[in-house]
Amino acid sequence: MVQHGAPLDSDALRANIADTAHTAEIPRRYLPLLDAVDDLRGVREPLRDLLEEYFHPLRNVDSVLEGLQTLLLRNWSYFERAPQRAERFALAAELVLRLAEDSLDEEQLSRLLRLSLTWAAAVAEGPHSEEQAKELADLGSSFATLLPDRPEPFLERDRLVRRVLDRLHKRGGLEAASEPWLDLYLSSLRAGYARIARRLDVAAWIASGEPALRQRREAEDLFLPVGLSRMLELSSSLPATADVLDYPAHSDVLDEAVGAIHRVSDLEDRFSICLFFLKDDTLGHRQHDVMAELLAVVKTMMEPERRTDFDRVLRNLTSFFHRREGLYPDMRYQCYQAIGEAIGRAGATRAADHLIEDLLSWRFQYADVRGATEEWQTLANPYHLPNIRCWLHIIESNPAVYDRLAAALDVQLRVGGVFVADTDLFQRDVTRLLNADIKPVYFVVKQLLRTFPVYFNEVGAEGELRSVSTEIDEIMGRQDTLMHFLRKQVHAESSNRLVEFSAAVLEYWHSLDASCLHPFLAPATLAAVRDQRRLAAGPHAVVS
């Protein structure tokens, strides 16, 4: 029987609390925000939680973003009730800008821009916009200084910048406030047009003759509106007035380009153009749309009645990616997987042989394990597992057709080794393979599966290594850096490497030479272990 509401208590919990417990002190300058909603507990408490998290030395950025969303998009009207609304806007904007200048990743900065620009647009069209005109202008000026160093998130949110400028323009009497936003929007337009001209000139790519399109003229005409000449024309004619609101944003041009793909009548031409669009990250979140289009085209081309020339399609695919080797291998795996699965379902043996040859022409991504981080994560080749999964999914589509690929994967893994963390949930991939029709190639699949370290029946399962490492760490009072690192890695990122790591620990206890631990520890951790050699004296006596 579990007693609900019983206090949680454990040595691990007390130790972690002792390591991370810090008192977050809210600076006095932000207390007016709390005073403004002192009479509204449902607004004040979420704000207090936000400020305490914001100023905590170990703050969680995602939690801060959620708190800012509540403050700016849900509760801001309560802060505009009194004459000090401009001061409160300035304080909230300061929180936004301080966070934007922090080391946010691209996704986090994009989220921050989404909520702060939406907030600014709402204030700009609200009843108190004139009182907050200066603060709105300051926010726009500050964002303009951030754009040159981090253009991608701003380009992703350029429509929201346009919305703020449009709201300020329509209000009238806010010309001074709109000028910084006009400059920001002009900068985003120039950056966006330059980016598209540099990376997405489809018409020039078609005209170069690199793709062997069957309806070249049609494709050129479809993509001229997003070509270099139009981008140069738009960029050179940008007015420094509100008329710039009529110009298409970077996001609008991307929409136009992606929309043109659907109007390419020839399927093989559309396939080649999709590959061009997927060559880099220019499309941002629209890459998923193009990938969906590519998969749909592949499935349609692979229909038996179309009698598609598989060899020509695969030649185009391999040629395209070999000219861009090293760029976005994960995208390459997705493309090959989509085509390989379609070929497998169609049972096209000759096309499968061609695909296997193409796959084997690429350097296999071995694990290349290079130690660990201070956060107990193993440093390994990030494309190792995607490479394995790509081949596995292709094999699953028709094991009998892809038996040679299964044998090749077995050889590669035996030569280069396998690194799979428990958090990768690789058990699901193995289950999918076993659920496929493996009867005709049972012995090949059996040999392949013997190379995979699938060792847990369920996530978080207990094991002897976990229990023993925890017990030793507790005996040492968590003061032995080596045992604490092993114990935490077992908990945080279990993998097949832990067996070798444990053997290295035993070797260290036997020889007291820490060099055998080098492949498994971060440099700072290894240095700490060397400094604590005295802690290995007891185990050394036992092992010896």
Protein backbone atom coordinates (compact mmCIF):
# COMPACT_ATOMS: atom_id res chain seq x y z
CA MET A 1 0.00 0.00 0.00
CA VAL A 2 1.43 3.40 -1.02
CA GLN A 3 0.70 6.22 1.35
CA HIS A 4 -0.11 9.26 -0.78
CA GLY A 5 1.34 12.49 0.46
CA ALA A 6 4.17 10.77 2.39
CA PRO A 7 7.41 12.80 2.28
CA LEU A 8 10.06 11.46 -0.08
CA ASP A 9 13.42 10.76 1.52
CA SER A 10 16.60 9.09 0.31
CA ASP A 11 20.35 9.54 0.49
CA ALA A 12 20.45 10.40 -3.21
CA LEU A 13 17.71 13.01 -2.84
CA ARG A 14 19.41 14.65 0.15
CA ALA A 15 22.78 14.70 -1.64
CA ASN A 16 21.34 16.20 -4.81
CA ILE A 17 19.42 18.84 -2.85
CA ALA A 18 22.61 19.76 -1.00
CA ASP A 19 24.46 20.17 -4.31
CA THR A 20 21.80 22.19 -6.10
CA ALA A 21 19.95 24.08 -3.36
CA HIS A 22 20.44 27.80 -3.88
CA THR A 23 18.37 30.69 -2.69
CA ALA A 24 17.17 32.69 -5.68
CA GLU A 25 17.01 36.33 -4.70
CA ILE A 26 14.81 38.52 -6.86
CA PRO A 27 16.57 41.88 -7.54
CA ARG A 28 14.77 44.87 -6.02
CA ARG A 29 14.32 46.58 -9.39
CA TYR A 30 11.85 43.84 -10.46
CA LEU A 31 9.71 44.02 -7.31
CA PRO A 32 7.34 46.61 -8.92
CA LEU A 33 6.10 43.81 -11.16
CA LEU A 34 5.06 41.82 -8.09
CA ASP A 35 3.59 44.91 -6.41
CA ALA A 36 1.43 45.57 -9.46
CA VAL A 37 -0.51 42.33 -8.97
CA ASP A 38 -0.26 42.04 -5.19
CA ASP A 39 -4.05 41.78 -5.01
CA LEU A 40 -4.24 38.96 -7.58
CA ARG A 41 -2.82 35.77 -6.11
CA GLY A 42 -3.43 33.76 -9.30
CA VAL A 43 -1.23 36.21 -11.24
CA ARG A 44 1.30 37.06 -8.52
CA GLU A 45 2.36 33.48 -7.69
CA PRO A 46 3.18 32.40 -11.28
CA LEU A 47 5.15 35.65 -11.63
CA ARG A 48 7.07 34.96 -8.41
CA ASP A 49 7.84 31.44 -9.64
CA LEU A 50 9.09 32.89 -12.92
CA LEU A 51 11.37 35.46 -11.26
CA GLU A 52 12.79 32.93 -8.82
CA GLU A 53 13.54 30.54 -11.65
CA TYR A 54 14.91 33.36 -13.82
CA PHE A 55 17.42 34.49 -11.20
CA HIS A 56 18.34 31.02 -9.95
CA PRO A 57 22.02 30.23 -10.69
CA LEU A 58 20.93 26.85 -12.13
CA ARG A 59 17.88 28.11 -13.96
CA ASN A 60 16.00 25.99 -16.46
CA VAL A 61 15.56 28.04 -19.65
CA ASP A 62 12.53 26.06 -20.82
CA SER A 63 10.76 26.73 -17.50
CA VAL A 64 11.63 30.42 -17.81
CA LEU A 65 10.15 30.52 -21.32
CA GLU A 66 6.94 28.94 -20.06
CA GLY A 67 6.76 31.51 -17.26
CA LEU A 68 7.35 34.39 -19.68
CA GLN A 69 4.58 33.07 -21.90
CA THR A 70 2.18 33.16 -18.94
CA LEU A 71 3.32 36.67 -17.98
CA LEU A 72 3.31 38.25 -21.45
CA LEU A 73 0.55 36.47 -23.34
CA ARG A 74 -1.93 35.52 -20.64
CA ASN A 75 -1.65 37.94 -17.74
CA TRP A 76 -0.21 41.15 -19.17
CA SER A 77 -3.52 43.04 -19.12
CA TYR A 78 -3.39 43.00 -15.30
CA PHE A 79 -0.11 44.94 -15.38
CA GLU A 80 -1.65 47.73 -17.48
CA ARG A 81 -4.28 48.66 -14.91
CA ALA A 82 -2.30 51.53 -13.30
CA PRO A 83 -0.39 54.56 -14.64
CA GLN A 84 2.99 52.84 -14.09
CA ARG A 85 2.33 50.54 -17.04
CA ALA A 86 5.28 51.93 -19.06
CA GLU A 87 7.71 51.14 -16.23
CA ARG A 88 6.35 47.61 -16.01
CA PHE A 89 6.66 47.12 -19.75
CA ALA A 90 10.28 48.22 -19.56
CA LEU A 91 11.01 45.71 -16.77
CA ALA A 92 9.37 42.84 -18.66
CA ALA A 93 11.22 43.81 -21.84
CA GLU A 94 14.46 43.82 -19.85
CA LEU A 95 13.80 40.25 -18.75
CA VAL A 96 13.25 39.25 -22.37
CA LEU A 97 16.39 40.97 -23.65
CA ARG A 98 18.64 39.68 -20.87
CA LEU A 99 17.50 36.16 -21.70
CA ALA A 100 17.93 36.73 -25.45
CA GLU A 101 21.54 37.75 -24.86
CA ASP A 102 22.14 34.56 -22.89
CA SER A 103 23.49 31.40 -24.51
CA LEU A 104 20.15 30.19 -25.91
CA ASP A 105 20.09 27.67 -28.71
CA GLU A 106 18.31 28.50 -31.97
CA GLU A 107 15.04 26.84 -30.96
CA GLN A 108 14.92 28.58 -27.58
CA LEU A 109 15.64 31.99 -29.10
CA SER A 110 12.94 31.39 -31.70
CA ARG A 111 10.44 30.56 -28.92
CA LEU A 112 11.45 33.67 -27.01
CA LEU A 113 10.97 35.82 -30.12
CA ARG A 114 7.57 34.28 -30.81
CA LEU A 115 6.14 35.14 -27.42
CA SER A 116 7.83 38.54 -27.06
CA LEU A 117 6.90 39.72 -30.57
CA THR A 118 3.32 38.54 -30.10
CA TRP A 119 3.26 40.48 -26.82
CA ALA A 120 4.68 43.62 -28.47
CA ALA A 121 2.07 43.45 -31.25
CA ALA A 122 -0.74 43.17 -28.68
CA VAL A 123 0.60 46.17 -26.73
CA ALA A 124 1.03 48.17 -29.97
CA GLU A 125 -2.65 47.82 -30.85
CA GLY A 126 -3.85 48.09 -27.24
CA PRO A 127 -5.46 51.14 -25.61
CA HIS A 128 -2.24 52.23 -23.87
CA SER A 129 0.23 52.01 -26.76
CA GLU A 130 0.98 55.75 -26.77
CA GLU A 131 2.05 55.65 -23.13
CA GLN A 132 4.43 52.78 -23.88
CA ALA A 133 5.70 54.09 -27.22
CA LYS A 134 9.24 54.76 -25.99
CA GLU A 135 9.54 51.33 -24.39
CA LEU A 136 8.24 49.68 -27.58
CA ALA A 137 10.84 51.59 -29.58
CA ASP A 138 13.62 50.51 -27.21
CA LEU A 139 12.56 46.87 -27.55
CA GLY A 140 12.68 47.11 -31.35
CA SER A 141 16.12 48.78 -31.25
CA SER A 142 17.50 46.07 -28.96
CA PHE A 143 16.20 43.29 -31.20
CA ALA A 144 17.82 45.01 -34.20
CA THR A 145 21.23 44.72 -32.53
CA LEU A 146 20.74 40.96 -32.02
CA LEU A 147 19.71 40.11 -35.59
CA PRO A 148 23.14 40.29 -37.32
CA ASP A 149 24.63 37.64 -35.00
CA ARG A 150 21.57 35.35 -34.85
CA PRO A 151 19.62 35.87 -38.11
CA GLU A 152 17.94 32.44 -38.38
CA PRO A 153 15.51 32.80 -35.43
CA PHE A 154 14.58 36.31 -36.59
CA LEU A 155 13.95 35.08 -40.14
CA GLU A 156 11.72 32.35 -38.75
CA ARG A 157 9.68 35.00 -36.88
CA ASP A 158 9.80 37.78 -39.50
CA ARG A 159 6.03 37.79 -39.94
CA LEU A 160 5.65 38.69 -36.28
CA VAL A 161 8.09 41.57 -36.73
CA ARG A 162 5.92 42.73 -39.62
CA ARG A 163 2.82 42.45 -37.45
CA VAL A 164 4.32 44.75 -34.79
CA LEU A 165 5.29 47.30 -37.44
CA ASP A 166 1.84 47.07 -39.04
CA ARG A 167 0.08 47.62 -35.68
CA LEU A 168 2.23 50.66 -34.91
CA HIS A 169 1.65 52.11 -38.37
CA LYS A 170 -2.10 51.69 -38.19
CA ARG A 171 -2.39 53.29 -34.76
CA GLY A 172 -1.13 56.63 -36.00
CA GLY A 173 0.87 59.05 -33.90
CA LEU A 174 3.47 56.39 -33.13
CA GLU A 175 5.94 57.21 -35.90
CA ALA A 176 8.86 57.49 -33.48
CA ALA A 177 8.06 54.09 -31.98
CA SER A 178 7.73 52.46 -35.40
CA GLU A 179 11.12 53.61 -36.74
CA PRO A 180 13.21 50.96 -34.87
CA TRP A 181 10.74 48.28 -35.93
CA LEU A 182 10.98 49.49 -39.52
CA ASP A 183 14.76 49.18 -39.33
CA LEU A 184 14.42 45.70 -37.82
CA TYR A 185 12.03 44.58 -40.54
CA LEU A 186 14.23 46.03 -43.30
CA SER A 187 17.23 44.17 -41.86
CA SER A 188 15.30 40.90 -41.73
CA LEU A 189 14.16 41.37 -45.35
CA ARG A 190 17.68 42.03 -46.60
CA ALA A 191 19.06 39.05 -44.68
CA GLY A 192 16.24 36.82 -45.91
CA TYR A 193 16.54 37.82 -49.56
CA ALA A 194 20.33 37.34 -49.44
CA ARG A 195 19.92 33.93 -47.83
CA ILE A 196 17.46 32.73 -50.47
CA ALA A 197 19.57 34.13 -53.33
CA ARG A 198 22.63 32.37 -51.94
CA ARG A 199 21.08 29.02 -51.06
CA LEU A 200 17.80 28.58 -52.91
CA ASP A 201 18.28 29.76 -56.49
CA VAL A 202 16.43 26.80 -57.99
CA ALA A 203 16.18 28.36 -61.45
CA ALA A 204 19.97 28.80 -61.68
CA TRP A 205 20.51 25.21 -60.51
CA ILE A 206 18.14 23.97 -63.21
CA ALA A 207 19.74 26.17 -65.88
CA SER A 208 23.20 24.84 -64.96
CA GLY A 209 22.24 21.44 -66.35
CA GLU A 210 23.22 19.62 -63.16
CA PRO A 211 19.82 17.96 -62.77
CA ALA A 212 18.65 15.92 -65.75
CA LEU A 213 15.07 17.21 -65.67
CA ARG A 214 12.60 16.03 -68.27
CA GLN A 215 10.45 19.21 -68.16
CA ARG A 216 13.20 21.76 -67.62
CA ARG A 217 11.45 24.80 -69.08
CA GLU A 218 8.36 24.29 -66.96
CA ALA A 219 10.44 23.95 -63.79
CA GLU A 220 12.49 27.07 -64.56
CA ASP A 221 9.36 29.15 -65.03
CA LEU A 222 7.85 27.88 -61.78
CA PHE A 223 10.86 28.91 -59.69
CA LEU A 224 11.82 32.21 -61.33
CA PRO A 225 9.77 34.13 -58.70
CA VAL A 226 12.16 32.86 -56.02
CA GLY A 227 15.31 33.15 -58.12
CA LEU A 228 18.37 35.37 -57.79
CA SER A 229 17.12 38.12 -60.10
CA ARG A 230 13.90 38.62 -58.16
CA MET A 231 15.69 38.62 -54.81
CA LEU A 232 18.13 41.26 -56.06
CA GLU A 233 15.24 43.29 -57.44
CA LEU A 234 13.33 43.16 -54.15
CA SER A 235 16.41 43.95 -52.06
CA SER A 236 17.44 46.93 -54.19
CA SER A 237 13.96 48.48 -54.19
CA LEU A 238 13.19 48.27 -50.47
CA PRO A 239 11.65 51.57 -49.33
CA ALA A 240 12.50 53.03 -45.94
CA THR A 241 8.82 53.70 -45.31
CA ALA A 242 5.74 51.77 -44.24
CA ASP A 243 5.33 50.70 -47.89
CA VAL A 244 7.80 47.96 -47.03
CA LEU A 245 4.87 46.13 -45.43
CA ASP A 246 3.81 45.15 -48.95
CA TYR A 247 7.08 43.30 -49.57
CA PRO A 248 7.17 39.52 -49.01
CA ALA A 249 9.02 38.35 -45.92
CA HIS A 250 11.56 35.53 -45.98
CA SER A 251 8.86 33.16 -44.71
CA ASP A 252 6.52 34.24 -47.54
CA VAL A 253 9.15 33.50 -50.17
CA LEU A 254 9.79 30.08 -48.66
CA ASP A 255 6.05 29.35 -48.76
CA GLU A 256 6.02 30.35 -52.42
CA ALA A 257 8.99 28.13 -53.19
CA VAL A 258 7.57 25.10 -51.38
CA GLY A 259 4.21 25.69 -53.05
CA ALA A 260 5.88 25.63 -56.48
CA ILE A 261 7.12 22.09 -55.82
CA HIS A 262 3.55 20.81 -55.86
CA ARG A 263 3.02 22.34 -59.32
CA VAL A 264 5.89 20.42 -60.95
CA SER A 265 4.00 17.97 -63.13
CA ASP A 266 6.72 15.37 -63.80
CA LEU A 267 7.25 13.14 -60.78
CA GLU A 268 10.94 12.48 -61.36
CA ASP A 269 11.58 16.20 -61.81
CA ARG A 270 9.72 16.87 -58.56
CA PHE A 271 11.85 14.21 -56.88
CA SER A 272 15.08 15.92 -58.00
CA ILE A 273 13.84 19.35 -56.93
CA CYS A 274 12.87 18.04 -53.50
CA LEU A 275 16.42 16.76 -53.06
CA PHE A 276 17.76 20.21 -53.93
CA PHE A 277 15.51 21.82 -51.33
CA LEU A 278 16.70 19.35 -48.69
CA LYS A 279 20.40 19.97 -49.26
CA ASP A 280 20.71 22.25 -46.21
CA ASP A 281 18.68 23.93 -43.47
CA THR A 282 17.49 26.94 -45.48
CA LEU A 283 13.86 25.87 -45.21
CA GLY A 284 13.88 25.64 -41.42
CA HIS A 285 10.69 24.00 -40.15
CA ARG A 286 9.38 23.79 -43.74
CA GLN A 287 11.85 20.96 -44.37
CA HIS A 288 9.26 18.59 -42.92
CA ASP A 289 6.80 19.63 -45.65
CA VAL A 290 9.33 18.96 -48.40
CA MET A 291 10.30 15.64 -46.84
CA ALA A 292 6.63 14.64 -46.79
CA GLU A 293 6.38 15.64 -50.45
CA LEU A 294 9.50 13.62 -51.27
CA LEU A 295 8.10 10.53 -49.56
CA ALA A 296 4.79 10.94 -51.38
CA VAL A 297 6.59 11.25 -54.72
CA VAL A 298 8.71 8.18 -54.03
CA LYS A 299 5.69 6.09 -53.09
CA THR A 300 3.89 7.18 -56.25
CA MET A 301 6.91 6.53 -58.49
CA MET A 302 7.32 3.07 -57.02
CA GLU A 303 3.82 1.98 -58.04
CA PRO A 304 4.22 -0.99 -60.42
CA GLU A 305 2.04 0.47 -63.19
CA ARG A 306 4.29 3.53 -63.51
CA ARG A 307 7.31 1.42 -64.45
CA THR A 308 9.70 3.95 -63.00
CA ASP A 309 13.34 3.71 -63.98
CA PHE A 310 14.69 2.91 -60.52
CA ASP A 311 18.29 3.09 -61.70
CA ARG A 312 17.93 6.68 -62.93
CA VAL A 313 16.27 7.79 -59.69
CA LEU A 314 18.97 6.17 -57.57
CA ARG A 315 21.73 7.60 -59.77
CA ASN A 316 20.33 11.08 -59.24
CA LEU A 317 20.05 10.51 -55.51
CA THR A 318 23.59 9.16 -55.06
CA SER A 319 25.16 11.72 -57.38
CA PHE A 320 23.41 14.55 -55.56
CA PHE A 321 24.55 13.50 -52.11
CA HIS A 322 28.09 12.53 -53.09
CA ARG A 323 28.62 16.10 -54.30
CA ARG A 324 27.55 17.24 -50.85
CA GLU A 325 29.25 14.60 -48.73
CA GLY A 326 29.43 15.63 -45.11
CA LEU A 327 26.37 17.90 -45.29
CA TYR A 328 23.38 16.72 -43.29
CA PRO A 329 23.97 12.95 -43.33
CA ASP A 330 20.79 12.45 -41.30
CA MET A 331 18.80 13.88 -44.22
CA ARG A 332 20.59 11.50 -46.57
CA TYR A 333 19.60 8.55 -44.39
CA GLN A 334 15.97 9.62 -44.44
CA CYS A 335 15.98 9.87 -48.24
CA TYR A 336 17.60 6.48 -48.73
CA GLN A 337 15.28 4.95 -46.16
CA ALA A 338 12.19 6.30 -47.93
CA ILE A 339 13.32 4.93 -51.30
CA GLY A 340 14.61 1.68 -49.85
CA GLU A 341 11.33 0.96 -48.07
CA ALA A 342 9.35 1.70 -51.24
CA ILE A 343 11.59 -0.62 -53.25
CA GLY A 344 11.24 -3.30 -50.58
CA ARG A 345 7.46 -3.09 -50.61
CA ALA A 346 7.46 -3.28 -54.40
CA GLY A 347 9.82 -6.28 -54.32
CA ALA A 348 11.99 -4.73 -57.06
CA THR A 349 15.06 -6.97 -56.83
CA ARG A 350 17.20 -5.15 -59.42
CA ALA A 351 16.51 -1.76 -57.82
CA ALA A 352 17.30 -3.24 -54.39
CA ASP A 353 20.70 -4.43 -55.66
CA HIS A 354 21.39 -0.95 -57.00
CA LEU A 355 20.36 0.63 -53.69
CA ILE A 356 22.60 -1.75 -51.73
CA GLU A 357 25.57 -0.82 -53.92
CA ASP A 358 24.85 2.85 -53.35
CA LEU A 359 24.58 2.40 -49.59
CA LEU A 360 27.83 0.44 -49.47
CA SER A 361 29.59 3.22 -51.40
CA TRP A 362 29.29 5.49 -48.36
CA ARG A 363 31.67 5.30 -45.41
CA PHE A 364 29.85 3.54 -42.61
CA GLN A 365 29.45 5.69 -39.50
CA TYR A 366 31.27 3.81 -36.76
CA ALA A 367 30.70 4.66 -33.09
CA ASP A 368 34.12 6.37 -32.62
CA VAL A 369 33.62 6.68 -28.86
CA ARG A 370 35.80 9.45 -27.41
CA GLY A 371 35.33 9.36 -23.64
CA ALA A 372 32.54 11.08 -21.71
CA THR A 373 31.36 14.49 -20.54
CA GLU A 374 31.20 15.76 -16.99
CA GLU A 375 27.43 15.09 -17.20
CA TRP A 376 28.09 11.34 -17.64
CA GLN A 377 27.16 11.29 -21.34
CA THR A 378 29.32 9.18 -23.64
CA LEU A 379 30.91 11.12 -26.52
CA ALA A 380 30.25 9.17 -29.70
CA ASN A 381 29.63 9.76 -33.41
CA PRO A 382 26.07 11.23 -33.54
CA TYR A 383 25.42 9.61 -36.93
CA HIS A 384 26.31 6.08 -35.80
CA LEU A 385 22.81 5.13 -34.65
CA PRO A 386 20.96 6.92 -37.52
CA ASN A 387 23.13 4.95 -39.97
CA ILE A 388 22.22 1.66 -38.28
CA ARG A 389 18.53 2.55 -38.09
CA CYS A 390 18.41 3.57 -41.75
CA TRP A 391 19.75 0.21 -42.87
CA LEU A 392 17.55 -1.69 -40.41
CA HIS A 393 14.35 0.00 -41.60
CA ILE A 394 15.25 -0.76 -45.21
CA ILE A 395 15.90 -4.41 -44.32
CA GLU A 396 12.59 -4.61 -42.43
CA SER A 397 10.64 -3.61 -45.55
CA ASN A 398 11.63 -6.86 -47.30
CA PRO A 399 14.27 -9.01 -45.54
CA ALA A 400 14.45 -11.50 -48.39
CA VAL A 401 15.33 -8.78 -50.93
CA TYR A 402 17.79 -7.05 -48.61
CA ASP A 403 19.57 -10.11 -47.19
CA ARG A 404 22.90 -8.86 -48.58
CA LEU A 405 22.42 -5.52 -46.81
CA ALA A 406 21.74 -7.37 -43.54
CA ALA A 407 24.95 -9.34 -43.97
CA ALA A 408 26.86 -6.12 -44.75
CA LEU A 409 25.48 -4.45 -41.63
CA ASP A 410 26.55 -7.44 -39.55
CA VAL A 411 30.10 -7.17 -40.94
CA GLN A 412 30.30 -3.41 -40.34
CA LEU A 413 29.16 -3.74 -36.73
CA ARG A 414 31.57 -6.58 -36.01
CA VAL A 415 34.44 -4.57 -37.49
CA GLY A 416 33.64 -1.17 -35.94
CA GLY A 417 31.62 -2.10 -32.88
CA VAL A 418 28.23 -0.85 -31.69
CA PHE A 419 27.36 1.89 -29.26
CA VAL A 420 23.72 2.09 -28.18
CA ALA A 421 22.53 3.85 -25.04
CA ASP A 422 19.56 2.54 -23.11
CA THR A 423 17.83 5.89 -23.63
CA ASP A 424 17.90 5.31 -27.40
CA LEU A 425 15.13 2.70 -26.96
CA PHE A 426 16.81 0.48 -29.54
CA GLN A 427 14.76 -2.46 -28.32
CA ARG A 428 11.88 -1.14 -30.44
CA ASP A 429 13.99 -1.35 -33.60
CA VAL A 430 14.90 -4.94 -32.85
CA THR A 431 11.25 -5.77 -32.21
CA ARG A 432 10.24 -4.27 -35.57
CA LEU A 433 12.86 -6.38 -37.35
CA LEU A 434 11.67 -9.55 -35.60
CA ASN A 435 8.08 -8.74 -36.59
CA ALA A 436 9.07 -8.55 -40.27
CA ASP A 437 9.02 -11.57 -42.59
CA ILE A 438 12.49 -12.86 -41.65
CA LYS A 439 11.76 -16.56 -42.27
CA PRO A 440 13.58 -16.74 -45.67
CA VAL A 441 16.72 -15.15 -44.18
CA TYR A 442 16.42 -16.33 -40.59
CA PHE A 443 20.08 -17.27 -40.10
CA VAL A 444 21.36 -13.96 -41.57
CA VAL A 445 19.09 -11.96 -39.26
CA LYS A 446 20.02 -14.15 -36.29
CA GLN A 447 23.72 -13.44 -36.84
CA LEU A 448 22.99 -9.72 -37.19
CA LEU A 449 21.00 -9.57 -33.96
CA ARG A 450 23.85 -11.21 -32.05
CA THR A 451 25.88 -8.03 -32.57
CA PHE A 452 23.27 -5.76 -30.95
CA PRO A 453 23.45 -5.01 -27.21
CA VAL A 454 19.77 -5.24 -26.35
CA TYR A 455 19.97 -5.91 -22.66
CA PHE A 456 16.94 -4.40 -20.83
CA ASN A 457 13.39 -5.65 -20.96
CA GLU A 458 12.05 -2.26 -19.93
CA VAL A 459 13.39 1.23 -19.45
CA GLY A 460 14.72 1.84 -15.95
CA ALA A 461 15.15 -1.87 -15.19
CA GLU A 462 17.37 -2.68 -12.23
CA GLY A 463 20.55 -4.68 -12.61
CA GLU A 464 23.52 -6.01 -10.63
CA LEU A 465 25.87 -3.33 -11.95
CA ARG A 466 23.47 -0.60 -10.90
CA SER A 467 23.03 -2.06 -7.42
CA VAL A 468 26.72 -2.75 -6.81
CA SER A 469 27.95 0.63 -8.07
CA THR A 470 25.33 2.39 -5.92
CA GLU A 471 26.31 0.41 -2.82
CA ILE A 472 30.04 1.11 -3.24
CA ASP A 473 29.38 4.80 -3.88
CA GLU A 474 27.31 5.00 -0.69
CA ILE A 475 30.01 3.18 1.32
CA MET A 476 32.52 5.79 0.11
CA GLY A 477 30.16 8.60 1.11
CA ARG A 478 30.02 9.83 -2.51
CA GLN A 479 33.59 11.08 -2.11
CA ASP A 480 35.19 8.63 -4.54
CA THR A 481 35.00 10.46 -7.90
CA LEU A 482 35.52 7.29 -9.93
CA MET A 483 32.75 5.26 -8.30
CA HIS A 484 30.39 8.22 -8.24
CA PHE A 485 30.95 8.76 -11.98
CA LEU A 486 30.34 5.07 -12.74
CA ARG A 487 27.24 5.02 -10.56
CA LYS A 488 25.79 8.17 -12.19
CA GLN A 489 26.50 6.92 -15.71
CA VAL A 490 24.72 3.65 -14.96
CA HIS A 491 21.71 5.71 -13.87
CA ALA A 492 21.84 8.44 -16.50
CA GLU A 493 23.00 6.69 -19.66
CA SER A 494 23.33 2.93 -19.44
CA SER A 495 24.96 1.36 -22.47
CA ASN A 496 26.98 -1.63 -23.56
CA ARG A 497 30.14 0.41 -22.78
CA LEU A 498 29.55 0.02 -19.05
CA VAL A 499 30.87 -3.55 -19.09
CA GLU A 500 34.20 -2.35 -20.51
CA PHE A 501 34.17 0.60 -18.11
CA SER A 502 33.68 -1.72 -15.12
CA ALA A 503 36.53 -3.95 -16.31
CA ALA A 504 38.75 -0.86 -16.58
CA VAL A 505 37.88 0.07 -12.98
CA LEU A 506 38.97 -3.39 -11.83
CA GLU A 507 42.18 -3.05 -13.83
CA TYR A 508 42.84 0.35 -12.21
CA TRP A 509 42.30 -1.11 -8.74
CA HIS A 510 44.75 -3.87 -9.60
CA SER A 511 47.52 -1.75 -11.16
CA LEU A 512 46.76 1.74 -9.74
CA ASP A 513 47.56 3.04 -13.25
CA ALA A 514 44.71 5.38 -14.21
CA SER A 515 45.61 5.44 -17.92
CA CYS A 516 43.24 2.53 -18.54
CA LEU A 517 40.36 4.82 -17.51
CA HIS A 518 41.15 7.46 -20.13
CA PRO A 519 38.65 6.20 -22.77
CA PHE A 520 35.78 6.35 -20.29
CA LEU A 521 36.19 9.58 -18.29
CA ALA A 522 36.10 13.29 -18.97
CA PRO A 523 39.55 14.95 -18.55
CA ALA A 524 38.59 16.79 -15.34
CA THR A 525 37.15 13.59 -13.84
CA LEU A 526 40.28 11.62 -14.76
CA ALA A 527 42.45 14.28 -13.08
CA ALA A 528 40.31 14.04 -9.93
CA VAL A 529 40.68 10.25 -9.90
CA ARG A 530 44.47 10.58 -10.09
CA ASP A 531 44.39 13.02 -7.19
CA GLN A 532 42.35 10.51 -5.15
CA ARG A 533 44.65 7.56 -5.62
CA ARG A 534 44.57 6.96 -1.86
CA LEU A 535 40.87 5.97 -2.19
CA ALA A 536 41.89 3.05 -4.41
CA ALA A 537 44.25 1.62 -1.78
CA GLY A 538 41.53 -0.51 -0.13
CA PRO A 539 40.18 -2.02 -3.36
CA HIS A 540 43.78 -2.51 -4.54
CA ALA A 541 44.54 -4.66 -1.51
CA VAL A 542 41.42 -6.77 -2.10
CA VAL A 543 41.91 -7.20 -5.87
CA SER A 544 45.62 -7.93 -5.53
